[in-house]
């Protein structure tokens, strides 16, 4: 039996083809649902991250927090890593995920998959009385989220203010496609997990608000994507086999040995002075 093929000399094997296991996955695979907005409005629960990969291929992700937790057992202490990740396309979709594991790399990938399953559609608009640009660049009205002792308030800001928020909430707003906002917080905001979850809950609560057609037209409210992302295009990752060459290849040892023509050898030693 021939060995499995790999992407490079030391790269991982290619992932197997996606076989949908849920009703929602079969509808997406058959082409009945062609957008992420239709998936979220279908009423079916999102259980497969491959659905998000198929409909939002340019999804960005960022690690917000990596914390090492431990527990005491009969055999000693057991250490694990707790990772919080945010994903989004910069055009109305954002998700937050959290996972725990013994290794950092697999735990980050698991948190990214959970963030994809928690994807929400964000309302955007021009809700500031100081701005009349008519573009969907900020939150349309006051948004509030609370997790634990942390309470986050997002208020509409005029164009050009930027994200006047904390370092934890800034990537969440940016991944949702919001470029201007004011934030006010209460509670123990040093708890990064609660701060991130409260900011995400505030954005998720915008979609549950009922807005009349006249107010939606006045505030220029849009739901979901508008066709323009504020994030740069995602660069493809280079294969692991091409990062370092073998002996004599690019990145490896040059031909000629240690002091041959391909590599500069040590400088010649000066002759000792003659004895008198």
C-alpha atoms as a PDB file:
ATOM      1  CA  UNK A   1       0.000   0.000   0.000  1.00  0.00           C
ATOM      2  CA  UNK A   2       1.581   3.341  -1.008  1.00  0.00           C
ATOM      3  CA  UNK A   3       2.257   5.839   1.783  1.00  0.00           C
ATOM      4  CA  UNK A   4      -0.066   8.867   2.090  1.00  0.00           C
ATOM      5  CA  UNK A   5       0.959  11.931   0.111  1.00  0.00           C
ATOM      6  CA  UNK A   6       2.038  15.106   1.873  1.00  0.00           C
ATOM      7  CA  UNK A   7       2.168  18.769   0.911  1.00  0.00           C
ATOM      8  CA  UNK A   8       5.912  18.989   1.480  1.00  0.00           C
ATOM      9  CA  UNK A   9       8.845  17.094   2.928  1.00  0.00           C
ATOM     10  CA  UNK A  10       7.646  17.787   6.487  1.00  0.00           C
ATOM     11  CA  UNK A  11       4.151  19.199   5.917  1.00  0.00           C
ATOM     12  CA  UNK A  12       0.914  17.736   7.287  1.00  0.00           C
ATOM     13  CA  UNK A  13      -1.274  15.554   5.078  1.00  0.00           C
ATOM     14  CA  UNK A  14      -4.125  17.310   3.250  1.00  0.00           C
ATOM     15  CA  UNK A  15      -7.461  17.325   5.094  1.00  0.00           C
ATOM     16  CA  UNK A  16     -10.038  14.767   3.984  1.00  0.00           C
ATOM     17  CA  UNK A  17     -12.983  15.967   1.882  1.00  0.00           C
ATOM     18  CA  UNK A  18     -15.880  17.382   3.834  1.00  0.00           C
ATOM     19  CA  UNK A  19     -18.813  15.013   4.313  1.00  0.00           C
ATOM     20  CA  UNK A  20     -21.762  16.888   5.883  1.00  0.00           C
ATOM     21  CA  UNK A  21     -23.390  15.193   8.864  1.00  0.00           C
ATOM     22  CA  UNK A  22     -26.224  17.599   9.680  1.00  0.00           C
ATOM     23  CA  UNK A  23     -29.260  18.809   7.781  1.00  0.00           C
ATOM     24  CA  UNK A  24     -27.821  22.319   7.572  1.00  0.00           C
ATOM     25  CA  UNK A  25     -24.525  20.991   6.246  1.00  0.00           C
ATOM     26  CA  UNK A  26     -26.282  18.950   3.557  1.00  0.00           C
ATOM     27  CA  UNK A  27     -28.235  22.010   2.420  1.00  0.00           C
ATOM     28  CA  UNK A  28     -25.052  24.072   2.142  1.00  0.00           C
ATOM     29  CA  UNK A  29     -23.213  21.261   0.370  1.00  0.00           C
ATOM     30  CA  UNK A  30     -26.096  20.892  -2.116  1.00  0.00           C
ATOM     31  CA  UNK A  31     -26.166  24.626  -2.871  1.00  0.00           C
ATOM     32  CA  UNK A  32     -29.580  25.368  -1.335  1.00  0.00           C
ATOM     33  CA  UNK A  33     -28.025  27.923   1.068  1.00  0.00           C
ATOM     34  CA  UNK A  34     -25.373  30.104  -0.543  1.00  0.00           C
ATOM     35  CA  UNK A  35     -24.713  32.812   2.066  1.00  0.00           C
ATOM     36  CA  UNK A  36     -23.937  32.956   5.766  1.00  0.00           C
ATOM     37  CA  UNK A  37     -26.934  35.218   6.355  1.00  0.00           C
ATOM     38  CA  UNK A  38     -29.270  32.527   4.985  1.00  0.00           C
ATOM     39  CA  UNK A  39     -27.625  29.950   7.255  1.00  0.00           C
ATOM     40  CA  UNK A  40     -28.149  32.041  10.396  1.00  0.00           C
ATOM     41  CA  UNK A  41     -31.768  32.809   9.452  1.00  0.00           C
ATOM     42  CA  UNK A  42     -32.649  29.234   8.564  1.00  0.00           C
ATOM     43  CA  UNK A  43     -33.466  28.330  12.166  1.00  0.00           C
ATOM     44  CA  UNK A  44     -31.140  25.320  12.144  1.00  0.00           C
ATOM     45  CA  UNK A  45     -28.304  25.104  14.633  1.00  0.00           C
ATOM     46  CA  UNK A  46     -24.784  25.540  13.292  1.00  0.00           C
ATOM     47  CA  UNK A  47     -22.806  22.443  14.323  1.00  0.00           C
ATOM     48  CA  UNK A  48     -20.113  22.089  11.640  1.00  0.00           C
ATOM     49  CA  UNK A  49     -17.259  24.609  11.228  1.00  0.00           C
ATOM     50  CA  UNK A  50     -16.813  23.445   7.627  1.00  0.00           C
ATOM     51  CA  UNK A  51     -20.005  25.355   6.778  1.00  0.00           C
ATOM     52  CA  UNK A  52     -18.332  28.619   7.768  1.00  0.00           C
ATOM     53  CA  UNK A  53     -15.182  27.669   5.838  1.00  0.00           C
ATOM     54  CA  UNK A  54     -17.252  27.062   2.701  1.00  0.00           C
ATOM     55  CA  UNK A  55     -19.280  30.292   2.888  1.00  0.00           C
ATOM     56  CA  UNK A  56     -16.676  32.649   4.436  1.00  0.00           C
ATOM     57  CA  UNK A  57     -13.276  31.582   3.089  1.00  0.00           C
ATOM     58  CA  UNK A  58     -11.558  34.882   4.041  1.00  0.00           C
ATOM     59  CA  UNK A  59     -12.267  34.598   7.765  1.00  0.00           C
ATOM     60  CA  UNK A  60      -9.643  36.167  10.035  1.00  0.00           C
ATOM     61  CA  UNK A  61      -8.810  34.995  13.541  1.00  0.00           C
ATOM     62  CA  UNK A  62      -6.893  36.434  16.481  1.00  0.00           C
ATOM     63  CA  UNK A  63      -5.976  35.045  19.889  1.00  0.00           C
ATOM     64  CA  UNK A  64      -7.201  37.313  22.680  1.00  0.00           C
ATOM     65  CA  UNK A  65      -5.959  35.420  25.721  1.00  0.00           C
ATOM     66  CA  UNK A  66      -3.831  32.363  26.545  1.00  0.00           C
ATOM     67  CA  UNK A  67      -3.974  31.428  30.208  1.00  0.00           C
ATOM     68  CA  UNK A  68      -2.515  28.423  32.001  1.00  0.00           C
ATOM     69  CA  UNK A  69      -4.880  26.809  34.493  1.00  0.00           C
ATOM     70  CA  UNK A  70      -4.158  23.981  36.917  1.00  0.00           C
ATOM     71  CA  UNK A  71      -5.969  21.626  39.224  1.00  0.00           C
ATOM     72  CA  UNK A  72      -4.785  19.406  42.059  1.00  0.00           C
ATOM     73  CA  UNK A  73      -5.347  15.656  41.825  1.00  0.00           C
ATOM     74  CA  UNK A  74      -4.169  12.627  43.819  1.00  0.00           C
ATOM     75  CA  UNK A  75      -1.230  12.142  41.458  1.00  0.00           C
ATOM     76  CA  UNK A  76      -0.176  15.796  41.446  1.00  0.00           C
ATOM     77  CA  UNK A  77      -0.949  18.983  39.575  1.00  0.00           C
ATOM     78  CA  UNK A  78      -2.459  18.904  36.102  1.00  0.00           C
ATOM     79  CA  UNK A  79      -1.794  21.891  33.831  1.00  0.00           C
ATOM     80  CA  UNK A  80      -3.928  22.993  30.897  1.00  0.00           C
ATOM     81  CA  UNK A  81      -4.140  26.023  28.626  1.00  0.00           C
ATOM     82  CA  UNK A  82      -7.305  28.094  28.255  1.00  0.00           C
ATOM     83  CA  UNK A  83      -7.450  30.000  24.955  1.00  0.00           C
ATOM     84  CA  UNK A  84      -9.923  32.696  23.843  1.00  0.00           C
ATOM     85  CA  UNK A  85     -10.136  33.448  20.107  1.00  0.00           C
ATOM     86  CA  UNK A  86     -12.175  35.872  17.999  1.00  0.00           C
ATOM     87  CA  UNK A  87     -12.967  35.314  14.305  1.00  0.00           C
ATOM     88  CA  UNK A  88     -14.608  37.597  11.758  1.00  0.00           C
ATOM     89  CA  UNK A  89     -14.609  38.751   8.161  1.00  0.00           C
ATOM     90  CA  UNK A  90     -14.623  42.506   8.796  1.00  0.00           C
ATOM     91  CA  UNK A  91     -18.033  42.814   7.131  1.00  0.00           C
ATOM     92  CA  UNK A  92     -20.787  42.089   9.613  1.00  0.00           C
ATOM     93  CA  UNK A  93     -19.909  38.620  10.971  1.00  0.00           C
ATOM     94  CA  UNK A  94     -17.989  37.945  14.198  1.00  0.00           C
ATOM     95  CA  UNK A  95     -17.635  35.001  16.564  1.00  0.00           C
ATOM     96  CA  UNK A  96     -15.987  34.259  19.902  1.00  0.00           C
ATOM     97  CA  UNK A  97     -14.736  30.870  21.092  1.00  0.00           C
ATOM     98  CA  UNK A  98     -12.929  29.408  24.080  1.00  0.00           C
ATOM     99  CA  UNK A  99     -11.273  26.013  24.570  1.00  0.00           C
ATOM    100  CA  UNK A 100      -8.988  24.197  27.012  1.00  0.00           C
ATOM    101  CA  UNK A 101      -6.287  21.621  26.297  1.00  0.00           C
ATOM    102  CA  UNK A 102      -2.872  20.310  27.244  1.00  0.00           C
ATOM    103  CA  UNK A 103      -1.110  21.787  24.158  1.00  0.00           C
ATOM    104  CA  UNK A 104      -1.364  25.338  22.878  1.00  0.00           C
ATOM    105  CA  UNK A 105      -1.533  24.628  19.133  1.00  0.00           C
ATOM    106  CA  UNK A 106      -4.416  22.122  19.108  1.00  0.00           C
ATOM    107  CA  UNK A 107      -6.252  24.191  21.707  1.00  0.00           C
ATOM    108  CA  UNK A 108      -6.100  27.292  19.494  1.00  0.00           C
ATOM    109  CA  UNK A 109      -7.497  25.331  16.545  1.00  0.00           C
ATOM    110  CA  UNK A 110     -10.296  23.982  18.729  1.00  0.00           C
ATOM    111  CA  UNK A 111     -11.115  27.505  19.961  1.00  0.00           C
ATOM    112  CA  UNK A 112     -11.230  28.757  16.350  1.00  0.00           C
ATOM    113  CA  UNK A 113     -13.725  26.020  15.449  1.00  0.00           C
ATOM    114  CA  UNK A 114     -15.895  26.932  18.425  1.00  0.00           C
ATOM    115  CA  UNK A 115     -15.753  30.610  17.476  1.00  0.00           C
ATOM    116  CA  UNK A 116     -16.986  29.700  13.998  1.00  0.00           C
ATOM    117  CA  UNK A 117     -19.953  27.897  15.525  1.00  0.00           C
ATOM    118  CA  UNK A 118     -20.791  31.011  17.604  1.00  0.00           C
ATOM    119  CA  UNK A 119     -20.841  33.339  14.591  1.00  0.00           C
ATOM    120  CA  UNK A 120     -23.424  36.158  14.764  1.00  0.00           C
ATOM    121  CA  UNK A 121     -24.681  38.825  12.394  1.00  0.00           C
ATOM    122  CA  UNK A 122     -24.010  42.386  13.581  1.00  0.00           C
ATOM    123  CA  UNK A 123     -26.113  45.492  12.946  1.00  0.00           C
ATOM    124  CA  UNK A 124     -24.194  48.555  11.771  1.00  0.00           C
ATOM    125  CA  UNK A 125     -25.223  52.071  10.885  1.00  0.00           C
ATOM    126  CA  UNK A 126     -24.592  55.792  11.335  1.00  0.00           C
ATOM    127  CA  UNK A 127     -26.206  56.410  14.707  1.00  0.00           C
ATOM    128  CA  UNK A 128     -24.236  59.410  15.957  1.00  0.00           C
ATOM    129  CA  UNK A 129     -25.946  62.800  15.995  1.00  0.00           C
ATOM    130  CA  UNK A 130     -22.570  64.393  15.187  1.00  0.00           C
ATOM    131  CA  UNK A 131     -22.259  62.511  11.891  1.00  0.00           C
ATOM    132  CA  UNK A 132     -24.368  62.456   8.753  1.00  0.00           C
ATOM    133  CA  UNK A 133     -22.164  60.534   6.343  1.00  0.00           C
ATOM    134  CA  UNK A 134     -24.782  57.848   5.738  1.00  0.00           C
ATOM    135  CA  UNK A 135     -22.265  54.970   5.925  1.00  0.00           C
ATOM    136  CA  UNK A 136     -22.473  51.890   8.131  1.00  0.00           C
ATOM    137  CA  UNK A 137     -19.325  52.524  10.175  1.00  0.00           C
ATOM    138  CA  UNK A 138     -20.485  52.396  13.822  1.00  0.00           C
ATOM    139  CA  UNK A 139     -23.159  50.885  16.032  1.00  0.00           C
ATOM    140  CA  UNK A 140     -26.627  52.264  15.221  1.00  0.00           C
ATOM    141  CA  UNK A 141     -27.592  52.809  18.881  1.00  0.00           C
ATOM    142  CA  UNK A 142     -26.443  52.039  22.419  1.00  0.00           C
ATOM    143  CA  UNK A 143     -25.378  48.420  22.918  1.00  0.00           C
ATOM    144  CA  UNK A 144     -24.923  46.829  26.344  1.00  0.00           C
ATOM    145  CA  UNK A 145     -23.460  43.482  27.374  1.00  0.00           C
ATOM    146  CA  UNK A 146     -22.725  41.978  30.751  1.00  0.00           C
ATOM    147  CA  UNK A 147     -20.782  38.859  31.807  1.00  0.00           C
ATOM    148  CA  UNK A 148     -19.896  38.434  35.472  1.00  0.00           C
ATOM    149  CA  UNK A 149     -18.983  41.786  36.963  1.00  0.00           C
ATOM    150  CA  UNK A 150     -17.971  43.347  33.627  1.00  0.00           C
ATOM    151  CA  UNK A 151     -20.484  45.608  31.894  1.00  0.00           C
ATOM    152  CA  UNK A 152     -19.661  47.050  28.457  1.00  0.00           C
ATOM    153  CA  UNK A 153     -21.508  49.904  26.749  1.00  0.00           C
ATOM    154  CA  UNK A 154     -20.892  50.722  23.077  1.00  0.00           C
ATOM    155  CA  UNK A 155     -22.115  54.100  21.843  1.00  0.00           C
ATOM    156  CA  UNK A 156     -22.230  55.464  18.270  1.00  0.00           C
ATOM    157  CA  UNK A 157     -19.329  57.703  17.299  1.00  0.00           C
ATOM    158  CA  UNK A 158     -18.867  60.057  14.319  1.00  0.00           C
ATOM    159  CA  UNK A 159     -16.630  59.088  11.460  1.00  0.00           C
ATOM    160  CA  UNK A 160     -12.944  59.657  12.176  1.00  0.00           C
ATOM    161  CA  UNK A 161     -13.013  59.018  15.924  1.00  0.00           C
ATOM    162  CA  UNK A 162     -11.791  55.442  15.571  1.00  0.00           C
ATOM    163  CA  UNK A 163     -12.231  52.725  18.152  1.00  0.00           C
ATOM    164  CA  UNK A 164     -12.049  54.466  21.534  1.00  0.00           C
ATOM    165  CA  UNK A 165     -12.290  51.163  23.386  1.00  0.00           C
ATOM    166  CA  UNK A 166     -10.014  48.829  25.329  1.00  0.00           C
ATOM    167  CA  UNK A 167      -7.415  46.572  23.794  1.00  0.00           C
ATOM    168  CA  UNK A 168      -9.592  43.476  24.320  1.00  0.00           C
ATOM    169  CA  UNK A 169     -12.746  44.859  22.689  1.00  0.00           C
ATOM    170  CA  UNK A 170     -10.929  46.535  19.807  1.00  0.00           C
ATOM    171  CA  UNK A 171     -10.306  43.394  17.679  1.00  0.00           C
ATOM    172  CA  UNK A 172     -13.886  42.230  18.293  1.00  0.00           C
ATOM    173  CA  UNK A 173     -15.296  45.458  16.876  1.00  0.00           C
ATOM    174  CA  UNK A 174     -12.787  45.529  14.027  1.00  0.00           C
ATOM    175  CA  UNK A 175     -13.575  41.960  12.996  1.00  0.00           C
ATOM    176  CA  UNK A 176     -17.280  42.847  13.004  1.00  0.00           C
ATOM    177  CA  UNK A 177     -16.677  45.688  10.525  1.00  0.00           C
ATOM    178  CA  UNK A 178     -17.036  48.616  12.943  1.00  0.00           C
ATOM    179  CA  UNK A 179     -14.458  51.386  12.588  1.00  0.00           C
ATOM    180  CA  UNK A 180     -15.783  54.063  14.989  1.00  0.00           C
ATOM    181  CA  UNK A 181     -17.217  53.582  18.486  1.00  0.00           C
ATOM    182  CA  UNK A 182     -17.057  54.810  22.044  1.00  0.00           C
ATOM    183  CA  UNK A 183     -17.001  52.331  24.916  1.00  0.00           C
ATOM    184  CA  UNK A 184     -17.674  52.636  28.637  1.00  0.00           C
ATOM    185  CA  UNK A 185     -16.958  49.762  30.987  1.00  0.00           C
ATOM    186  CA  UNK A 186     -17.788  48.821  34.570  1.00  0.00           C
ATOM    187  CA  UNK A 187     -16.478  46.099  36.829  1.00  0.00           C
ATOM    188  CA  UNK A 188     -13.213  44.173  36.893  1.00  0.00           C
ATOM    189  CA  UNK A 189     -12.109  44.566  33.287  1.00  0.00           C
ATOM    190  CA  UNK A 190      -8.731  42.958  33.959  1.00  0.00           C
ATOM    191  CA  UNK A 191     -10.514  39.629  33.613  1.00  0.00           C
ATOM    192  CA  UNK A 192      -9.911  39.283  29.889  1.00  0.00           C
ATOM    193  CA  UNK A 193     -12.393  36.460  29.349  1.00  0.00           C
ATOM    194  CA  UNK A 194     -15.327  38.302  30.914  1.00  0.00           C
ATOM    195  CA  UNK A 195     -14.394  41.516  29.108  1.00  0.00           C
ATOM    196  CA  UNK A 196     -14.290  39.772  25.721  1.00  0.00           C
ATOM    197  CA  UNK A 197     -17.535  37.879  26.324  1.00  0.00           C
ATOM    198  CA  UNK A 198     -19.310  41.050  27.483  1.00  0.00           C
ATOM    199  CA  UNK A 199     -18.193  42.919  24.337  1.00  0.00           C
ATOM    200  CA  UNK A 200     -19.363  40.034  22.171  1.00  0.00           C
ATOM    201  CA  UNK A 201     -22.701  39.878  24.007  1.00  0.00           C
ATOM    202  CA  UNK A 202     -23.230  43.592  23.351  1.00  0.00           C
ATOM    203  CA  UNK A 203     -22.756  43.125  19.604  1.00  0.00           C
ATOM    204  CA  UNK A 204     -24.904  39.984  19.554  1.00  0.00           C
ATOM    205  CA  UNK A 205     -27.692  41.845  21.345  1.00  0.00           C
ATOM    206  CA  UNK A 206     -27.932  44.375  18.521  1.00  0.00           C
ATOM    207  CA  UNK A 207     -29.539  41.765  16.265  1.00  0.00           C
ATOM    208  CA  UNK A 208     -32.365  41.104  18.738  1.00  0.00           C
ATOM    209  CA  UNK A 209     -33.570  44.727  18.673  1.00  0.00           C
ATOM    210  CA  UNK A 210     -36.709  45.464  16.667  1.00  0.00           C
ATOM    211  CA  UNK A 211     -36.191  48.571  14.539  1.00  0.00           C
ATOM    212  CA  UNK A 212     -38.936  50.282  12.574  1.00  0.00           C
ATOM    213  CA  UNK A 213     -38.436  50.883   8.876  1.00  0.00           C
ATOM    214  CA  UNK A 214     -38.365  54.681   9.321  1.00  0.00           C
ATOM    215  CA  UNK A 215     -35.650  54.504  11.983  1.00  0.00           C
ATOM    216  CA  UNK A 216     -33.653  51.987   9.952  1.00  0.00           C
ATOM    217  CA  UNK A 217     -33.710  54.325   6.954  1.00  0.00           C
ATOM    218  CA  UNK A 218     -32.769  57.353   9.052  1.00  0.00           C
ATOM    219  CA  UNK A 219     -29.870  55.605  10.834  1.00  0.00           C
ATOM    220  CA  UNK A 220     -28.702  53.777   7.664  1.00  0.00           C
ATOM    221  CA  UNK A 221     -28.888  50.430   9.475  1.00  0.00           C
ATOM    222  CA  UNK A 222     -27.624  47.379   7.600  1.00  0.00           C
ATOM    223  CA  UNK A 223     -27.692  43.796   8.795  1.00  0.00           C
ATOM    224  CA  UNK A 224     -24.777  41.567   7.897  1.00  0.00           C
ATOM    225  CA  UNK A 225     -22.395  42.102   4.958  1.00  0.00           C
ATOM    226  CA  UNK A 226     -22.345  45.085   2.638  1.00  0.00           C
ATOM    227  CA  UNK A 227     -19.714  43.701   0.248  1.00  0.00           C
ATOM    228  CA  UNK A 228     -16.701  45.614   1.601  1.00  0.00           C
ATOM    229  CA  UNK A 229     -14.402  44.326   4.345  1.00  0.00           C
ATOM    230  CA  UNK A 230     -12.272  46.653   6.466  1.00  0.00           C
ATOM    231  CA  UNK A 231      -9.676  43.914   7.027  1.00  0.00           C
ATOM    232  CA  UNK A 232      -6.753  43.329   4.652  1.00  0.00           C
ATOM    233  CA  UNK A 233      -6.912  40.248   2.417  1.00  0.00           C
ATOM    234  CA  UNK A 234      -5.794  37.093   4.151  1.00  0.00           C
ATOM    235  CA  UNK A 235      -2.387  35.899   2.967  1.00  0.00           C
ATOM    236  CA  UNK A 236      -2.047  32.195   2.142  1.00  0.00           C
ATOM    237  CA  UNK A 237       0.199  30.275   4.521  1.00  0.00           C
ATOM    238  CA  UNK A 238       3.433  28.956   3.056  1.00  0.00           C
ATOM    239  CA  UNK A 239       3.924  25.172   3.164  1.00  0.00           C
ATOM    240  CA  UNK A 240       6.113  23.948   5.965  1.00  0.00           C
ATOM    241  CA  UNK A 241       8.388  22.094   3.570  1.00  0.00           C
ATOM    242  CA  UNK A 242       9.397  25.296   1.756  1.00  0.00           C
ATOM    243  CA  UNK A 243      10.485  27.237   4.803  1.00  0.00           C
ATOM    244  CA  UNK A 244      13.851  25.543   5.162  1.00  0.00           C
ATOM    245  CA  UNK A 245      15.830  23.823   2.470  1.00  0.00           C
ATOM    246  CA  UNK A 246      17.847  20.635   2.780  1.00  0.00           C
ATOM    247  CA  UNK A 247      21.588  20.219   2.476  1.00  0.00           C
ATOM    248  CA  UNK A 248      22.775  22.252  -0.466  1.00  0.00           C
ATOM    249  CA  UNK A 249      19.318  23.751  -1.140  1.00  0.00           C
ATOM    250  CA  UNK A 250      17.938  27.219  -0.340  1.00  0.00           C
ATOM    251  CA  UNK A 251      18.348  27.870   3.341  1.00  0.00           C
ATOM    252  CA  UNK A 252      20.659  24.880   3.903  1.00  0.00           C
ATOM    253  CA  UNK A 253      24.453  24.503   3.965  1.00  0.00           C
ATOM    254  CA  UNK A 254      26.169  26.017   0.987  1.00  0.00           C
ATOM    255  CA  UNK A 255      28.343  23.838  -1.236  1.00  0.00           C
ATOM    256  CA  UNK A 256      32.050  23.854  -0.596  1.00  0.00           C
ATOM    257  CA  UNK A 257      32.086  22.735   3.044  1.00  0.00           C
ATOM    258  CA  UNK A 258      32.935  24.891   6.012  1.00  0.00           C
ATOM    259  CA  UNK A 259      35.719  26.881   4.329  1.00  0.00           C
ATOM    260  CA  UNK A 260      35.104  26.217   0.637  1.00  0.00           C
ATOM    261  CA  UNK A 261      34.245  28.734  -2.072  1.00  0.00           C
ATOM    262  CA  UNK A 262      30.583  28.820  -1.081  1.00  0.00           C
ATOM    263  CA  UNK A 263      31.260  29.952   2.517  1.00  0.00           C
ATOM    264  CA  UNK A 264      33.780  32.388   3.876  1.00  0.00           C
ATOM    265  CA  UNK A 265      36.296  30.701   6.170  1.00  0.00           C
ATOM    266  CA  UNK A 266      38.060  32.140   9.221  1.00  0.00           C
ATOM    267  CA  UNK A 267      40.590  34.954   8.605  1.00  0.00           C
ATOM    268  CA  UNK A 268      44.256  33.844   8.370  1.00  0.00           C
ATOM    269  CA  UNK A 269      46.327  34.235  11.484  1.00  0.00           C
ATOM    270  CA  UNK A 270      49.144  36.767  11.561  1.00  0.00           C
ATOM    271  CA  UNK A 271      52.727  35.403  11.635  1.00  0.00           C
ATOM    272  CA  UNK A 272      54.377  35.599  15.093  1.00  0.00           C
ATOM    273  CA  UNK A 273      57.161  38.198  15.533  1.00  0.00           C
ATOM    274  CA  UNK A 274      60.777  36.853  15.255  1.00  0.00           C
ATOM    275  CA  UNK A 275      62.651  36.122  18.455  1.00  0.00           C
ATOM    276  CA  UNK A 276      65.718  38.223  19.325  1.00  0.00           C
END
